[in-house]
Amino acid sequence: MYIVRFYSIFCNRVGIYSAYTRAGTTWGLGGTCVNVGCIPKKLYHQAASLGKAMEHAKRYGWNVNENITHDWDILRSAVIDYIKSLNWGHRVQLKQKLNAYLLRIL
């Protein structure tokens, strides 16, 4: 119980001294995971895995052209577009929830 009380007091004090910075608020909605963390990492990893799987596809009966190429700009654009779509979805959800909340309290 002491640990819980310590952290609740400590975290409240940290919150008082926290301040927004320009560098910390330039991303879209969704936080670190959506914008620069888990989601982009997973998409880039999936693209790399697909490339590796295409190398081995012939062994499983796929007719694959020997000259497999990759366009980094297309991948990067696709990842950015997906992140923007998630940001937009978060924005829409936030507006819907805020409107519902405001209607309840008014």
C-alpha atoms as a PDB file:
ATOM      1  CA  MET A   1       0.000   0.000   0.000  1.00  0.00           C
ATOM      2  CA  TYR A   2       2.913   2.340   0.745  1.00  0.00           C
ATOM      3  CA  ILE A   3       4.265   1.942  -2.796  1.00  0.00           C
ATOM      4  CA  VAL A   4       0.910   2.848  -4.351  1.00  0.00           C
ATOM      5  CA  ARG A   5       0.635   5.946  -2.158  1.00  0.00           C
ATOM      6  CA  PHE A   6       4.228   6.976  -2.940  1.00  0.00           C
ATOM      7  CA  TYR A   7       3.687   6.718  -6.695  1.00  0.00           C
ATOM      8  CA  SER A   8       0.362   8.544  -6.586  1.00  0.00           C
ATOM      9  CA  ILE A   9       1.985  11.466  -4.734  1.00  0.00           C
ATOM     10  CA  PHE A  10       5.154  11.365  -6.857  1.00  0.00           C
ATOM     11  CA  CYS A  11       3.268  11.253 -10.169  1.00  0.00           C
ATOM     12  CA  ASN A  12       1.039  14.145  -9.143  1.00  0.00           C
ATOM     13  CA  ARG A  13       4.118  16.240  -8.379  1.00  0.00           C
ATOM     14  CA  VAL A  14       5.721  15.337 -11.685  1.00  0.00           C
ATOM     15  CA  GLY A  15       2.514  16.344 -13.455  1.00  0.00           C
ATOM     16  CA  ILE A  16       2.611  19.778 -11.831  1.00  0.00           C
ATOM     17  CA  TYR A  17       6.095  20.492 -13.193  1.00  0.00           C
ATOM     18  CA  SER A  18       5.486  19.051 -16.662  1.00  0.00           C
ATOM     19  CA  ALA A  19       5.238  21.461 -19.550  1.00  0.00           C
ATOM     20  CA  TYR A  20       4.483  21.046 -23.210  1.00  0.00           C
ATOM     21  CA  THR A  21       7.315  21.660 -25.617  1.00  0.00           C
ATOM     22  CA  ARG A  22       7.223  22.346 -29.312  1.00  0.00           C
ATOM     23  CA  ALA A  23       9.232  19.228 -30.019  1.00  0.00           C
ATOM     24  CA  GLY A  24       6.884  17.106 -27.938  1.00  0.00           C
ATOM     25  CA  THR A  25       3.603  18.207 -29.494  1.00  0.00           C
ATOM     26  CA  THR A  26       4.241  18.133 -33.236  1.00  0.00           C
ATOM     27  CA  TRP A  27       2.935  14.609 -33.880  1.00  0.00           C
ATOM     28  CA  GLY A  28      -0.641  13.848 -34.729  1.00  0.00           C
ATOM     29  CA  LEU A  29      -3.147  12.224 -32.448  1.00  0.00           C
ATOM     30  CA  GLY A  30      -2.451   8.700 -31.315  1.00  0.00           C
ATOM     31  CA  GLY A  31       0.733   9.095 -29.339  1.00  0.00           C
ATOM     32  CA  THR A  32       4.152   7.604 -29.823  1.00  0.00           C
ATOM     33  CA  CYS A  33       2.981   4.108 -30.787  1.00  0.00           C
ATOM     34  CA  VAL A  34       0.894   5.290 -33.732  1.00  0.00           C
ATOM     35  CA  ASN A  35       3.170   8.039 -35.010  1.00  0.00           C
ATOM     36  CA  VAL A  36       6.766   6.858 -34.580  1.00  0.00           C
ATOM     37  CA  GLY A  37       6.685   3.654 -32.566  1.00  0.00           C
ATOM     38  CA  CYS A  38       4.925   0.315 -32.793  1.00  0.00           C
ATOM     39  CA  ILE A  39       2.789   0.885 -35.884  1.00  0.00           C
ATOM     40  CA  PRO A  40       5.444   2.206 -38.314  1.00  0.00           C
ATOM     41  CA  LYS A  41       7.944  -0.358 -37.016  1.00  0.00           C
ATOM     42  CA  LYS A  42       5.473  -3.173 -37.639  1.00  0.00           C
ATOM     43  CA  LEU A  43       4.718  -1.927 -41.170  1.00  0.00           C
ATOM     44  CA  TYR A  44       8.403  -1.667 -42.095  1.00  0.00           C
ATOM     45  CA  HIS A  45       9.069  -5.077 -40.567  1.00  0.00           C
ATOM     46  CA  GLN A  46       6.174  -6.575 -42.540  1.00  0.00           C
ATOM     47  CA  ALA A  47       7.560  -5.091 -45.767  1.00  0.00           C
ATOM     48  CA  ALA A  48      10.976  -6.603 -45.030  1.00  0.00           C
ATOM     49  CA  SER A  49       9.399  -9.974 -44.259  1.00  0.00           C
ATOM     50  CA  LEU A  50       7.472  -9.896 -47.546  1.00  0.00           C
ATOM     51  CA  GLY A  51      10.674  -9.215 -49.441  1.00  0.00           C
ATOM     52  CA  LYS A  52      12.391 -12.136 -47.755  1.00  0.00           C
ATOM     53  CA  ALA A  53       9.399 -14.420 -48.373  1.00  0.00           C
ATOM     54  CA  MET A  54       9.450 -13.554 -52.079  1.00  0.00           C
ATOM     55  CA  GLU A  55      13.010 -14.863 -52.254  1.00  0.00           C
ATOM     56  CA  HIS A  56      11.802 -18.252 -51.005  1.00  0.00           C
ATOM     57  CA  ALA A  57       8.480 -18.345 -52.902  1.00  0.00           C
ATOM     58  CA  LYS A  58       9.826 -20.403 -55.832  1.00  0.00           C
ATOM     59  CA  ARG A  59      10.358 -23.368 -53.529  1.00  0.00           C
ATOM     60  CA  TYR A  60       6.628 -23.339 -52.829  1.00  0.00           C
ATOM     61  CA  GLY A  61       5.472 -23.213 -56.440  1.00  0.00           C
ATOM     62  CA  TRP A  62       5.190 -19.466 -57.014  1.00  0.00           C
ATOM     63  CA  ASN A  63       6.405 -18.078 -60.328  1.00  0.00           C
ATOM     64  CA  VAL A  64       8.426 -15.098 -59.218  1.00  0.00           C
ATOM     65  CA  ASN A  65      10.459 -12.860 -61.477  1.00  0.00           C
ATOM     66  CA  GLU A  66      14.146 -13.161 -60.621  1.00  0.00           C
ATOM     67  CA  ASN A  67      14.627  -9.389 -60.655  1.00  0.00           C
ATOM     68  CA  ILE A  68      12.766  -8.339 -57.505  1.00  0.00           C
ATOM     69  CA  THR A  69      13.162  -4.648 -56.746  1.00  0.00           C
ATOM     70  CA  HIS A  70      11.951  -2.369 -53.990  1.00  0.00           C
ATOM     71  CA  ASP A  71      11.003   1.303 -54.035  1.00  0.00           C
ATOM     72  CA  TRP A  72      11.689   2.910 -50.667  1.00  0.00           C
ATOM     73  CA  ASP A  73       9.714   6.066 -51.522  1.00  0.00           C
ATOM     74  CA  ILE A  74       6.545   4.070 -52.223  1.00  0.00           C
ATOM     75  CA  LEU A  75       6.892   2.156 -48.942  1.00  0.00           C
ATOM     76  CA  ARG A  76       7.553   5.341 -46.997  1.00  0.00           C
ATOM     77  CA  SER A  77       4.534   7.072 -48.572  1.00  0.00           C
ATOM     78  CA  ALA A  78       2.313   4.078 -47.793  1.00  0.00           C
ATOM     79  CA  VAL A  79       3.400   4.059 -44.138  1.00  0.00           C
ATOM     80  CA  ILE A  80       2.876   7.825 -43.810  1.00  0.00           C
ATOM     81  CA  ASP A  81      -0.569   7.571 -45.445  1.00  0.00           C
ATOM     82  CA  TYR A  82      -1.562   4.775 -43.070  1.00  0.00           C
ATOM     83  CA  ILE A  83      -0.426   6.770 -40.035  1.00  0.00           C
ATOM     84  CA  LYS A  84      -2.356   9.812 -41.278  1.00  0.00           C
ATOM     85  CA  SER A  85      -5.464   7.656 -41.665  1.00  0.00           C
ATOM     86  CA  LEU A  86      -5.085   6.482 -38.064  1.00  0.00           C
ATOM     87  CA  ASN A  87      -4.642  10.101 -36.918  1.00  0.00           C
ATOM     88  CA  TRP A  88      -7.802  11.070 -38.807  1.00  0.00           C
ATOM     89  CA  GLY A  89      -9.707   8.175 -37.228  1.00  0.00           C
ATOM     90  CA  HIS A  90      -8.562   9.265 -33.775  1.00  0.00           C
ATOM     91  CA  ARG A  91      -9.635  12.844 -34.520  1.00  0.00           C
ATOM     92  CA  VAL A  92     -13.111  11.717 -35.656  1.00  0.00           C
ATOM     93  CA  GLN A  93     -13.514   9.499 -32.584  1.00  0.00           C
ATOM     94  CA  LEU A  94     -12.396  12.315 -30.304  1.00  0.00           C
ATOM     95  CA  LYS A  95     -14.897  14.735 -31.844  1.00  0.00           C
ATOM     96  CA  GLN A  96     -17.712  12.188 -31.530  1.00  0.00           C
ATOM     97  CA  LYS A  97     -16.860  11.432 -27.921  1.00  0.00           C
ATOM     98  CA  LEU A  98     -16.472  15.122 -27.068  1.00  0.00           C
ATOM     99  CA  ASN A  99     -19.832  15.972 -28.640  1.00  0.00           C
ATOM    100  CA  ALA A 100     -21.511  13.113 -26.773  1.00  0.00           C
ATOM    101  CA  TYR A 101     -19.853  14.254 -23.535  1.00  0.00           C
ATOM    102  CA  LEU A 102     -20.868  17.893 -24.017  1.00  0.00           C
ATOM    103  CA  LEU A 103     -24.456  16.894 -24.813  1.00  0.00           C
ATOM    104  CA  ARG A 104     -24.606  14.903 -21.582  1.00  0.00           C
ATOM    105  CA  ILE A 105     -23.347  17.707 -19.362  1.00  0.00           C
ATOM    106  CA  LEU A 106     -25.380  20.530 -20.934  1.00  0.00           C
END
